[in-house]
Amino acid sequence: MYKTSLSLRDGKGERKYLNQAERLLFLESTNHYRTDVKLFCQLLYYTGARIAEIHNLKSNNIDFSNKTVVIESLKKRKKGVFREIPLPSYLLEELQHYIDDLDSDNSSEIALWTFSLRTASRHVKRVMLKAKISGVQSCARGLRHGFAVHAVTVAPITMVKKWLGHATLETTEIYLNAVGTEEREIAQRLW
């Protein structure tokens, strides 16, 4: 059976994920952009979802009563596989205002973003540049990996698996191989 080897480093040894300091810089930098770009990037930050999963969101995917976003997993073999990820209250409030402004007819399902997936990727790249983050990790995938590396240090791995939409724990376990600052923070808990 063929098995792909996953790594948090690329072929040149460069880190493929944002560390926590970079993630926080990214989040802070989102505040310098218009509302749709800011909310798009913050949803990436807070969910660890794939860029296309966030791009596909509709207004009814935000479950305000449950305080979650419901994401359709894109890497499953069939459609209709969803996962729920909790969101912070302040982000939910901003999303509510944004959706109210978008939807004057009060329809239950409208697309949240008017920009293309390619433009979404460009927005993420601009926010990365604003945050002075460069390298292989300065993309939506680097943000997803950074979310996962941070999440496994503070949440049960089974919950992280669910949030990321992984089929198996083996896929999620790669994020336990944290290096650098993250590894030091974990070690400090032992000291």
N, C-alpha and C. Protein backbone atom coordinates (compact mmCIF):
# COMPACT_ATOMS: atom_id res chain seq x y z
N MET A 1 0.85 -1.19 0.00
CA MET A 1 0.00 0.00 0.00
C MET A 1 0.89 1.25 0.00
N TYR A 2 0.58 2.20 -0.86
CA TYR A 2 1.33 3.44 -0.96
C TYR A 2 0.91 4.37 0.15
N LYS A 3 1.87 4.96 0.85
CA LYS A 3 1.57 5.89 1.93
C LYS A 3 2.40 7.15 1.75
N THR A 4 1.73 8.29 1.78
CA THR A 4 2.42 9.57 1.64
C THR A 4 3.03 9.96 2.99
N SER A 5 4.24 10.43 2.94
CA SER A 5 4.90 10.90 4.15
C SER A 5 4.61 12.38 4.35
N LEU A 6 3.96 12.72 5.42
CA LEU A 6 3.64 14.11 5.73
C LEU A 6 4.73 14.70 6.61
N SER A 7 5.02 15.97 6.39
CA SER A 7 6.05 16.62 7.17
C SER A 7 5.70 18.08 7.38
N LEU A 8 6.15 18.63 8.48
CA LEU A 8 5.95 20.05 8.76
C LEU A 8 7.07 20.90 8.16
N ARG A 9 7.97 20.28 7.40
CA ARG A 9 9.05 20.98 6.72
C ARG A 9 9.01 20.62 5.24
N ASP A 10 9.42 21.56 4.40
CA ASP A 10 9.47 21.27 2.97
C ASP A 10 10.80 20.59 2.62
N GLY A 11 11.03 20.35 1.33
CA GLY A 11 12.23 19.67 0.88
C GLY A 11 13.52 20.40 1.19
N LYS A 12 13.43 21.71 1.44
CA LYS A 12 14.61 22.51 1.78
C LYS A 12 14.76 22.69 3.29
N GLY A 13 13.87 22.06 4.06
CA GLY A 13 13.93 22.16 5.51
C GLY A 13 13.20 23.37 6.07
N GLU A 14 12.50 24.12 5.22
CA GLU A 14 11.77 25.29 5.71
C GLU A 14 10.45 24.88 6.36
N ARG A 15 10.09 25.60 7.38
CA ARG A 15 8.86 25.35 8.13
C ARG A 15 7.64 25.65 7.24
N LYS A 16 6.66 24.73 7.21
CA LYS A 16 5.47 24.90 6.38
C LYS A 16 4.28 25.46 7.15
N TYR A 17 4.48 25.83 8.40
CA TYR A 17 3.37 26.33 9.21
C TYR A 17 3.76 27.65 9.86
N LEU A 18 2.74 28.43 10.19
CA LEU A 18 2.96 29.66 10.95
C LEU A 18 3.10 29.30 12.41
N ASN A 19 4.13 29.84 13.08
CA ASN A 19 4.22 29.63 14.53
C ASN A 19 3.20 30.55 15.21
N GLN A 20 3.04 30.42 16.49
CA GLN A 20 1.99 31.17 17.18
C GLN A 20 2.21 32.68 17.08
N ALA A 21 3.44 33.14 17.15
CA ALA A 21 3.71 34.57 17.03
C ALA A 21 3.30 35.07 15.65
N GLU A 22 3.60 34.31 14.61
CA GLU A 22 3.20 34.69 13.25
C GLU A 22 1.68 34.66 13.09
N ARG A 23 1.05 33.67 13.69
CA ARG A 23 -0.41 33.58 13.61
C ARG A 23 -1.04 34.83 14.23
N LEU A 24 -0.52 35.26 15.37
CA LEU A 24 -1.06 36.45 16.02
C LEU A 24 -0.81 37.71 15.20
N LEU A 25 0.34 37.80 14.56
CA LEU A 25 0.62 38.92 13.66
C LEU A 25 -0.36 38.93 12.48
N PHE A 26 -0.63 37.75 11.94
CA PHE A 26 -1.60 37.63 10.85
C PHE A 26 -2.97 38.13 11.30
N LEU A 27 -3.41 37.65 12.47
CA LEU A 27 -4.72 38.05 12.99
C LEU A 27 -4.78 39.56 13.17
N GLU A 28 -3.77 40.15 13.76
CA GLU A 28 -3.74 41.60 13.96
C GLU A 28 -3.79 42.33 12.63
N SER A 29 -3.09 41.82 11.64
CA SER A 29 -3.03 42.48 10.33
C SER A 29 -4.37 42.45 9.59
N THR A 30 -5.23 41.50 9.92
CA THR A 30 -6.54 41.45 9.25
C THR A 30 -7.35 42.70 9.53
N ASN A 31 -7.09 43.37 10.64
CA ASN A 31 -7.86 44.57 11.01
C ASN A 31 -7.61 45.75 10.08
N HIS A 32 -6.63 45.66 9.20
CA HIS A 32 -6.31 46.74 8.28
C HIS A 32 -7.01 46.59 6.93
N TYR A 33 -7.90 45.63 6.82
CA TYR A 33 -8.55 45.34 5.55
C TYR A 33 -10.06 45.51 5.65
N ARG A 34 -10.69 45.62 4.48
CA ARG A 34 -12.15 45.80 4.46
C ARG A 34 -12.82 44.57 5.09
N THR A 35 -14.06 44.72 5.47
CA THR A 35 -14.77 43.73 6.29
C THR A 35 -14.78 42.33 5.69
N ASP A 36 -15.07 42.20 4.40
CA ASP A 36 -15.15 40.85 3.83
C ASP A 36 -13.80 40.13 3.87
N VAL A 37 -12.73 40.84 3.56
CA VAL A 37 -11.38 40.25 3.60
C VAL A 37 -11.00 39.91 5.04
N LYS A 38 -11.27 40.82 5.94
CA LYS A 38 -10.98 40.61 7.36
C LYS A 38 -11.68 39.36 7.89
N LEU A 39 -12.99 39.26 7.63
CA LEU A 39 -13.76 38.11 8.14
C LEU A 39 -13.32 36.81 7.48
N PHE A 40 -13.04 36.85 6.19
CA PHE A 40 -12.56 35.66 5.49
C PHE A 40 -11.27 35.16 6.15
N CYS A 41 -10.32 36.07 6.33
CA CYS A 41 -9.02 35.69 6.92
C CYS A 41 -9.17 35.25 8.38
N GLN A 42 -10.05 35.90 9.12
CA GLN A 42 -10.23 35.51 10.51
C GLN A 42 -10.90 34.14 10.62
N LEU A 43 -11.79 33.81 9.69
CA LEU A 43 -12.36 32.46 9.69
C LEU A 43 -11.28 31.42 9.41
N LEU A 44 -10.36 31.72 8.51
CA LEU A 44 -9.23 30.81 8.29
C LEU A 44 -8.43 30.65 9.57
N TYR A 45 -8.15 31.77 10.24
CA TYR A 45 -7.35 31.77 11.47
C TYR A 45 -8.01 30.93 12.57
N TYR A 46 -9.31 31.15 12.79
CA TYR A 46 -9.99 30.52 13.93
C TYR A 46 -10.47 29.10 13.68
N THR A 47 -10.48 28.65 12.41
CA THR A 47 -11.01 27.31 12.14
C THR A 47 -9.96 26.31 11.68
N GLY A 48 -8.87 26.78 11.08
CA GLY A 48 -7.91 25.86 10.49
C GLY A 48 -8.47 25.18 9.25
N ALA A 49 -9.54 25.72 8.69
CA ALA A 49 -10.16 25.12 7.51
C ALA A 49 -9.33 25.41 6.26
N ARG A 50 -9.59 24.63 5.24
CA ARG A 50 -8.95 24.86 3.94
C ARG A 50 -9.55 26.11 3.32
N ILE A 51 -8.76 26.82 2.51
CA ILE A 51 -9.21 28.07 1.93
C ILE A 51 -10.49 27.88 1.11
N ALA A 52 -10.58 26.80 0.35
CA ALA A 52 -11.78 26.56 -0.47
C ALA A 52 -13.00 26.26 0.40
N GLU A 53 -12.78 25.65 1.56
CA GLU A 53 -13.91 25.38 2.47
C GLU A 53 -14.49 26.68 3.00
N ILE A 54 -13.64 27.64 3.35
CA ILE A 54 -14.12 28.94 3.81
C ILE A 54 -14.73 29.71 2.64
N HIS A 55 -14.12 29.61 1.49
CA HIS A 55 -14.63 30.31 0.30
C HIS A 55 -16.04 29.84 -0.07
N ASN A 56 -16.35 28.58 0.18
CA ASN A 56 -17.65 28.01 -0.17
C ASN A 56 -18.76 28.32 0.83
N LEU A 57 -18.44 28.99 1.93
CA LEU A 57 -19.45 29.22 2.97
C LEU A 57 -20.60 30.09 2.48
N LYS A 58 -21.79 29.73 2.99
CA LYS A 58 -23.00 30.50 2.76
C LYS A 58 -23.49 31.01 4.12
N SER A 59 -24.41 31.95 4.10
CA SER A 59 -24.89 32.55 5.35
C SER A 59 -25.46 31.51 6.32
N ASN A 60 -26.10 30.47 5.78
CA ASN A 60 -26.68 29.46 6.67
C ASN A 60 -25.65 28.51 7.27
N ASN A 61 -24.37 28.63 6.87
CA ASN A 61 -23.31 27.82 7.48
C ASN A 61 -22.85 28.39 8.82
N ILE A 62 -23.25 29.61 9.12
CA ILE A 62 -22.92 30.19 10.43
C ILE A 62 -24.09 29.89 11.35
N ASP A 63 -23.85 29.05 12.34
CA ASP A 63 -24.89 28.65 13.28
C ASP A 63 -24.77 29.53 14.52
N PHE A 64 -25.52 30.64 14.51
CA PHE A 64 -25.41 31.62 15.59
C PHE A 64 -25.93 31.07 16.92
N SER A 65 -26.93 30.20 16.89
CA SER A 65 -27.45 29.66 18.15
C SER A 65 -26.46 28.69 18.79
N ASN A 66 -25.71 27.97 17.98
CA ASN A 66 -24.73 27.01 18.49
C ASN A 66 -23.33 27.62 18.58
N LYS A 67 -23.17 28.85 18.03
CA LYS A 67 -21.90 29.58 18.04
C LYS A 67 -20.79 28.82 17.32
N THR A 68 -21.16 28.29 16.13
CA THR A 68 -20.21 27.51 15.34
C THR A 68 -20.33 27.89 13.86
N VAL A 69 -19.35 27.44 13.10
CA VAL A 69 -19.44 27.47 11.64
C VAL A 69 -19.51 26.01 11.20
N VAL A 70 -20.41 25.75 10.27
CA VAL A 70 -20.60 24.40 9.75
C VAL A 70 -19.93 24.35 8.37
N ILE A 71 -18.90 23.54 8.28
CA ILE A 71 -18.07 23.48 7.07
C ILE A 71 -18.26 22.15 6.37
N GLU A 72 -18.48 22.22 5.06
CA GLU A 72 -18.52 20.99 4.28
C GLU A 72 -17.09 20.58 3.96
N SER A 73 -16.71 19.39 4.37
CA SER A 73 -15.36 18.90 4.13
C SER A 73 -15.16 18.62 2.66
N LEU A 74 -14.08 19.13 2.11
CA LEU A 74 -13.81 18.98 0.67
C LEU A 74 -12.96 17.77 0.34
N LYS A 75 -12.27 17.21 1.30
CA LYS A 75 -11.36 16.11 0.98
C LYS A 75 -11.97 14.75 1.30
N LYS A 76 -13.27 14.68 1.30
CA LYS A 76 -13.96 13.40 1.51
C LYS A 76 -14.33 12.84 0.14
N ARG A 77 -14.61 11.58 0.08
CA ARG A 77 -14.94 10.94 -1.19
C ARG A 77 -16.37 11.25 -1.64
N LYS A 78 -17.17 11.83 -0.76
CA LYS A 78 -18.56 12.15 -1.12
C LYS A 78 -18.93 13.52 -0.60
N LYS A 79 -19.95 14.08 -1.19
CA LYS A 79 -20.46 15.39 -0.75
C LYS A 79 -21.32 15.20 0.49
N GLY A 80 -21.56 16.29 1.19
CA GLY A 80 -22.47 16.24 2.33
C GLY A 80 -21.84 15.78 3.63
N VAL A 81 -20.50 15.85 3.74
CA VAL A 81 -19.81 15.53 5.01
C VAL A 81 -19.46 16.87 5.65
N PHE A 82 -20.07 17.12 6.80
CA PHE A 82 -19.92 18.42 7.46
C PHE A 82 -19.23 18.26 8.81
N ARG A 83 -18.60 19.36 9.24
CA ARG A 83 -18.04 19.41 10.59
C ARG A 83 -18.34 20.79 11.17
N GLU A 84 -18.47 20.84 12.47
CA GLU A 84 -18.76 22.10 13.18
C GLU A 84 -17.53 22.53 13.95
N ILE A 85 -17.23 23.82 13.86
CA ILE A 85 -16.09 24.37 14.59
C ILE A 85 -16.57 25.58 15.37
N PRO A 86 -16.29 25.63 16.67
CA PRO A 86 -16.72 26.78 17.48
C PRO A 86 -16.01 28.06 17.04
N LEU A 87 -16.71 29.19 17.20
CA LEU A 87 -16.15 30.50 16.87
C LEU A 87 -16.25 31.42 18.07
N PRO A 88 -15.31 32.37 18.21
CA PRO A 88 -15.39 33.34 19.31
C PRO A 88 -16.60 34.27 19.13
N SER A 89 -17.15 34.71 20.25
CA SER A 89 -18.35 35.54 20.23
C SER A 89 -18.17 36.81 19.42
N TYR A 90 -17.02 37.47 19.55
CA TYR A 90 -16.84 38.73 18.82
C TYR A 90 -16.87 38.50 17.31
N LEU A 91 -16.33 37.38 16.84
CA LEU A 91 -16.34 37.08 15.41
C LEU A 91 -17.76 36.79 14.94
N LEU A 92 -18.52 36.09 15.76
CA LEU A 92 -19.92 35.82 15.43
C LEU A 92 -20.72 37.11 15.31
N GLU A 93 -20.46 38.06 16.21
CA GLU A 93 -21.15 39.36 16.15
C GLU A 93 -20.82 40.08 14.85
N GLU A 94 -19.54 40.10 14.48
CA GLU A 94 -19.14 40.76 13.24
C GLU A 94 -19.73 40.04 12.02
N LEU A 95 -19.76 38.72 12.06
CA LEU A 95 -20.38 37.96 10.97
C LEU A 95 -21.87 38.26 10.86
N GLN A 96 -22.53 38.40 12.00
CA GLN A 96 -23.97 38.70 11.99
C GLN A 96 -24.23 40.05 11.32
N HIS A 97 -23.45 41.06 11.67
CA HIS A 97 -23.60 42.38 11.05
C HIS A 97 -23.30 42.31 9.55
N TYR A 98 -22.26 41.59 9.20
CA TYR A 98 -21.86 41.45 7.80
C TYR A 98 -22.97 40.78 6.99
N ILE A 99 -23.52 39.69 7.53
CA ILE A 99 -24.59 38.96 6.83
C ILE A 99 -25.84 39.82 6.73
N ASP A 100 -26.16 40.55 7.81
CA ASP A 100 -27.33 41.45 7.77
C ASP A 100 -27.17 42.50 6.67
N ASP A 101 -25.97 43.03 6.52
CA ASP A 101 -25.71 44.04 5.48
C ASP A 101 -25.77 43.44 4.08
N LEU A 102 -25.35 42.18 3.95
CA LEU A 102 -25.37 41.51 2.65
C LEU A 102 -26.78 41.14 2.22
N ASP A 103 -27.59 40.79 3.18
CA ASP A 103 -28.87 40.13 2.91
C ASP A 103 -30.05 41.00 3.33
N SER A 104 -30.48 41.88 2.45
CA SER A 104 -31.61 42.74 2.78
C SER A 104 -32.94 42.00 2.66
N ASP A 105 -32.95 40.88 1.93
CA ASP A 105 -34.19 40.11 1.74
C ASP A 105 -34.39 39.04 2.80
N ASN A 106 -33.44 38.90 3.70
CA ASN A 106 -33.48 37.88 4.75
C ASN A 106 -33.61 36.46 4.19
N SER A 107 -32.94 36.20 3.07
CA SER A 107 -32.94 34.84 2.55
C SER A 107 -32.01 33.99 3.40
N SER A 108 -32.26 32.71 3.44
CA SER A 108 -31.52 31.86 4.37
C SER A 108 -30.16 31.40 3.85
N GLU A 109 -29.93 31.55 2.53
CA GLU A 109 -28.67 31.01 2.00
C GLU A 109 -28.11 31.94 0.93
N ILE A 110 -27.13 32.74 1.32
CA ILE A 110 -26.43 33.57 0.34
C ILE A 110 -24.93 33.34 0.50
N ALA A 111 -24.22 33.46 -0.60
CA ALA A 111 -22.76 33.31 -0.56
C ALA A 111 -22.17 34.45 0.28
N LEU A 112 -21.21 34.12 1.12
CA LEU A 112 -20.60 35.14 1.98
C LEU A 112 -19.57 35.99 1.24
N TRP A 113 -19.00 35.46 0.18
CA TRP A 113 -17.90 36.18 -0.48
C TRP A 113 -18.22 36.40 -1.95
N THR A 114 -17.92 37.58 -2.44
CA THR A 114 -18.14 37.90 -3.85
C THR A 114 -16.88 37.72 -4.66
N PHE A 115 -15.75 37.49 -4.02
CA PHE A 115 -14.49 37.32 -4.73
C PHE A 115 -14.23 35.85 -5.03
N SER A 116 -13.41 35.61 -6.06
CA SER A 116 -13.07 34.26 -6.49
C SER A 116 -12.10 33.60 -5.49
N LEU A 117 -11.93 32.31 -5.64
CA LEU A 117 -10.98 31.58 -4.80
C LEU A 117 -9.56 32.09 -5.04
N ARG A 118 -9.22 32.39 -6.27
CA ARG A 118 -7.89 32.92 -6.59
C ARG A 118 -7.68 34.27 -5.90
N THR A 119 -8.70 35.13 -5.94
CA THR A 119 -8.61 36.43 -5.27
C THR A 119 -8.52 36.23 -3.75
N ALA A 120 -9.23 35.24 -3.22
CA ALA A 120 -9.15 34.94 -1.79
C ALA A 120 -7.71 34.62 -1.41
N SER A 121 -7.04 33.83 -2.24
CA SER A 121 -5.65 33.48 -1.99
C SER A 121 -4.76 34.74 -2.02
N ARG A 122 -5.05 35.64 -2.94
CA ARG A 122 -4.30 36.90 -3.01
C ARG A 122 -4.53 37.74 -1.76
N HIS A 123 -5.76 37.76 -1.26
CA HIS A 123 -6.05 38.51 -0.03
C HIS A 123 -5.24 37.96 1.14
N VAL A 124 -5.19 36.64 1.26
CA VAL A 124 -4.40 36.01 2.34
C VAL A 124 -2.94 36.40 2.19
N LYS A 125 -2.43 36.38 0.98
CA LYS A 125 -1.03 36.73 0.74
C LYS A 125 -0.75 38.18 1.13
N ARG A 126 -1.70 39.09 0.81
CA ARG A 126 -1.52 40.51 1.18
C ARG A 126 -1.49 40.68 2.70
N VAL A 127 -2.36 39.97 3.39
CA VAL A 127 -2.37 40.06 4.86
C VAL A 127 -1.05 39.52 5.42
N MET A 128 -0.54 38.44 4.82
CA MET A 128 0.75 37.89 5.24
C MET A 128 1.86 38.93 5.06
N LEU A 129 1.85 39.60 3.92
CA LEU A 129 2.86 40.64 3.66
C LEU A 129 2.74 41.78 4.66
N LYS A 130 1.51 42.18 4.96
CA LYS A 130 1.27 43.25 5.95
C LYS A 130 1.84 42.83 7.31
N ALA A 131 1.70 41.55 7.63
CA ALA A 131 2.20 41.01 8.91
C ALA A 131 3.71 40.72 8.86
N LYS A 132 4.32 40.98 7.70
CA LYS A 132 5.76 40.73 7.51
C LYS A 132 6.11 39.25 7.65
N ILE A 133 5.21 38.40 7.14
CA ILE A 133 5.44 36.95 7.15
C ILE A 133 5.76 36.54 5.72
N SER A 134 6.90 35.88 5.56
CA SER A 134 7.29 35.42 4.23
C SER A 134 7.77 33.99 4.32
N GLY A 135 8.03 33.40 3.17
CA GLY A 135 8.49 32.03 3.14
C GLY A 135 7.39 31.08 2.74
N VAL A 136 7.72 29.82 2.73
CA VAL A 136 6.79 28.79 2.29
C VAL A 136 5.52 28.76 3.15
N GLN A 137 5.61 29.21 4.38
CA GLN A 137 4.46 29.16 5.30
C GLN A 137 3.49 30.32 5.10
N SER A 138 3.82 31.29 4.27
CA SER A 138 2.99 32.51 4.15
C SER A 138 1.85 32.33 3.16
N CYS A 139 0.96 31.39 3.49
CA CYS A 139 -0.20 31.09 2.64
C CYS A 139 -1.30 30.51 3.51
N ALA A 140 -2.45 30.27 2.91
CA ALA A 140 -3.58 29.72 3.66
C ALA A 140 -3.24 28.34 4.25
N ARG A 141 -2.50 27.53 3.51
CA ARG A 141 -2.13 26.21 4.02
C ARG A 141 -1.22 26.34 5.24
N GLY A 142 -0.30 27.31 5.21
CA GLY A 142 0.57 27.56 6.36
C GLY A 142 -0.23 27.98 7.58
N LEU A 143 -1.30 28.73 7.34
CA LEU A 143 -2.20 29.14 8.43
C LEU A 143 -2.93 27.92 8.99
N ARG A 144 -3.40 27.03 8.10
CA ARG A 144 -4.07 25.79 8.53
C ARG A 144 -3.11 24.94 9.37
N HIS A 145 -1.90 24.75 8.87
CA HIS A 145 -0.91 23.96 9.61
C HIS A 145 -0.59 24.62 10.95
N GLY A 146 -0.48 25.94 10.97
CA GLY A 146 -0.20 26.67 12.21
C GLY A 146 -1.32 26.51 13.23
N PHE A 147 -2.56 26.56 12.74
CA PHE A 147 -3.72 26.31 13.61
C PHE A 147 -3.58 24.93 14.25
N ALA A 148 -3.27 23.94 13.43
CA ALA A 148 -3.19 22.56 13.91
C ALA A 148 -2.07 22.37 14.92
N VAL A 149 -0.90 22.93 14.63
CA VAL A 149 0.24 22.81 15.56
C VAL A 149 -0.12 23.43 16.90
N HIS A 150 -0.74 24.59 16.87
CA HIS A 150 -1.14 25.24 18.12
C HIS A 150 -2.25 24.45 18.81
N ALA A 151 -3.24 23.99 18.04
CA ALA A 151 -4.39 23.29 18.61
C ALA A 151 -3.99 22.03 19.36
N VAL A 152 -3.04 21.25 18.82
CA VAL A 152 -2.67 20.00 19.50
C VAL A 152 -1.94 20.25 20.82
N THR A 153 -1.48 21.50 21.03
CA THR A 153 -0.84 21.80 22.31
C THR A 153 -1.85 22.21 23.38
N VAL A 154 -3.10 22.50 22.98
CA VAL A 154 -4.08 22.99 23.95
C VAL A 154 -5.40 22.23 23.95
N ALA A 155 -5.63 21.37 22.98
CA ALA A 155 -6.91 20.65 22.88
C ALA A 155 -6.64 19.16 22.67
N PRO A 156 -7.60 18.32 23.04
CA PRO A 156 -7.43 16.88 22.78
C PRO A 156 -7.27 16.62 21.28
N ILE A 157 -6.40 15.69 20.94
CA ILE A 157 -6.11 15.44 19.53
C ILE A 157 -7.35 14.96 18.77
N THR A 158 -8.26 14.29 19.45
CA THR A 158 -9.48 13.84 18.78
C THR A 158 -10.36 15.03 18.37
N MET A 159 -10.35 16.08 19.17
CA MET A 159 -11.10 17.28 18.83
C MET A 159 -10.44 18.00 17.66
N VAL A 160 -9.11 18.07 17.67
CA VAL A 160 -8.37 18.70 16.58
C VAL A 160 -8.64 17.93 15.28
N LYS A 161 -8.63 16.61 15.35
CA LYS A 161 -8.94 15.76 14.19
C LYS A 161 -10.30 16.14 13.61
N LYS A 162 -11.28 16.28 14.47
CA LYS A 162 -12.63 16.64 14.04
C LYS A 162 -12.65 18.03 13.39
N TRP A 163 -12.02 19.00 14.04
CA TRP A 163 -12.02 20.37 13.52
C TRP A 163 -11.34 20.45 12.15
N LEU A 164 -10.27 19.69 11.96
CA LEU A 164 -9.53 19.73 10.69
C LEU A 164 -10.19 18.89 9.60
N GLY A 165 -11.11 18.02 10.01
CA GLY A 165 -11.79 17.18 9.03
C GLY A 165 -10.97 16.00 8.56
N HIS A 166 -10.05 15.54 9.41
CA HIS A 166 -9.21 14.40 9.05
C HIS A 166 -9.98 13.09 9.22
N ALA A 167 -9.70 12.13 8.36
CA ALA A 167 -10.34 10.83 8.43
C ALA A 167 -9.74 9.95 9.52
N THR A 168 -8.43 10.12 9.76
CA THR A 168 -7.76 9.27 10.75
C THR A 168 -6.91 10.11 11.69
N LEU A 169 -6.66 9.55 12.87
CA LEU A 169 -5.79 10.21 13.83
C LEU A 169 -4.35 10.28 13.33
N GLU A 170 -3.93 9.31 12.50
CA GLU A 170 -2.56 9.31 11.98
C GLU A 170 -2.27 10.61 11.23
N THR A 171 -3.26 11.10 10.49
CA THR A 171 -3.07 12.35 9.75
C THR A 171 -2.88 13.52 10.71
N THR A 172 -3.66 13.55 11.78
CA THR A 172 -3.58 14.64 12.74
C THR A 172 -2.30 14.56 13.57
N GLU A 173 -1.81 13.36 13.80
CA GLU A 173 -0.63 13.17 14.64
C GLU A 173 0.62 13.86 14.11
N ILE A 174 0.68 14.16 12.83
CA ILE A 174 1.85 14.87 12.28
C ILE A 174 2.07 16.17 13.03
N TYR A 175 1.00 16.79 13.49
CA TYR A 175 1.10 18.08 14.17
C TYR A 175 1.67 17.95 15.58
N LEU A 176 1.77 16.73 16.08
CA LEU A 176 2.42 16.50 17.37
C LEU A 176 3.94 16.60 17.24
N ASN A 177 4.43 16.58 16.02
CA ASN A 177 5.87 16.70 15.78
C ASN A 177 6.27 18.17 15.71
N ALA A 178 5.77 18.94 16.64
CA ALA A 178 6.08 20.38 16.68
C ALA A 178 7.57 20.59 16.89
N VAL A 179 8.05 21.66 16.31
CA VAL A 179 9.46 21.98 16.43
C VAL A 179 9.61 23.43 16.85
N GLY A 180 10.83 23.81 17.18
CA GLY A 180 11.11 25.20 17.48
C GLY A 180 10.37 25.71 18.71
N THR A 181 9.78 26.89 18.56
CA THR A 181 9.11 27.57 19.67
C THR A 181 8.03 26.71 20.30
N GLU A 182 7.23 26.06 19.46
CA GLU A 182 6.13 25.23 19.97
C GLU A 182 6.65 24.09 20.82
N GLU A 183 7.71 23.45 20.36
CA GLU A 183 8.29 22.34 21.12
C GLU A 183 8.83 22.83 22.46
N ARG A 184 9.44 23.98 22.45
CA ARG A 184 9.98 24.56 23.69
C ARG A 184 8.84 24.86 24.67
N GLU A 185 7.73 25.41 24.18
CA GLU A 185 6.59 25.71 25.05
C GLU A 185 6.02 24.44 25.67
N ILE A 186 5.97 23.36 24.91
CA ILE A 186 5.49 22.08 25.44
C ILE A 186 6.46 21.57 26.50
N ALA A 187 7.75 21.65 26.21
CA ALA A 187 8.77 21.19 27.15
C ALA A 187 8.73 21.99 28.45
N GLN A 188 8.47 23.30 28.36
CA GLN A 188 8.41 24.13 29.56
C GLN A 188 7.34 23.68 30.52
N ARG A 189 6.27 23.11 29.99
CA ARG A 189 5.22 22.58 30.88
C ARG A 189 5.73 21.43 31.72
N LEU A 190 6.72 20.70 31.18
CA LEU A 190 7.32 19.58 31.92
C LEU A 190 8.31 20.07 32.96
N TRP A 191 8.95 21.20 32.69
CA TRP A 191 9.98 21.73 33.57
C TRP A 191 9.37 22.29 34.81
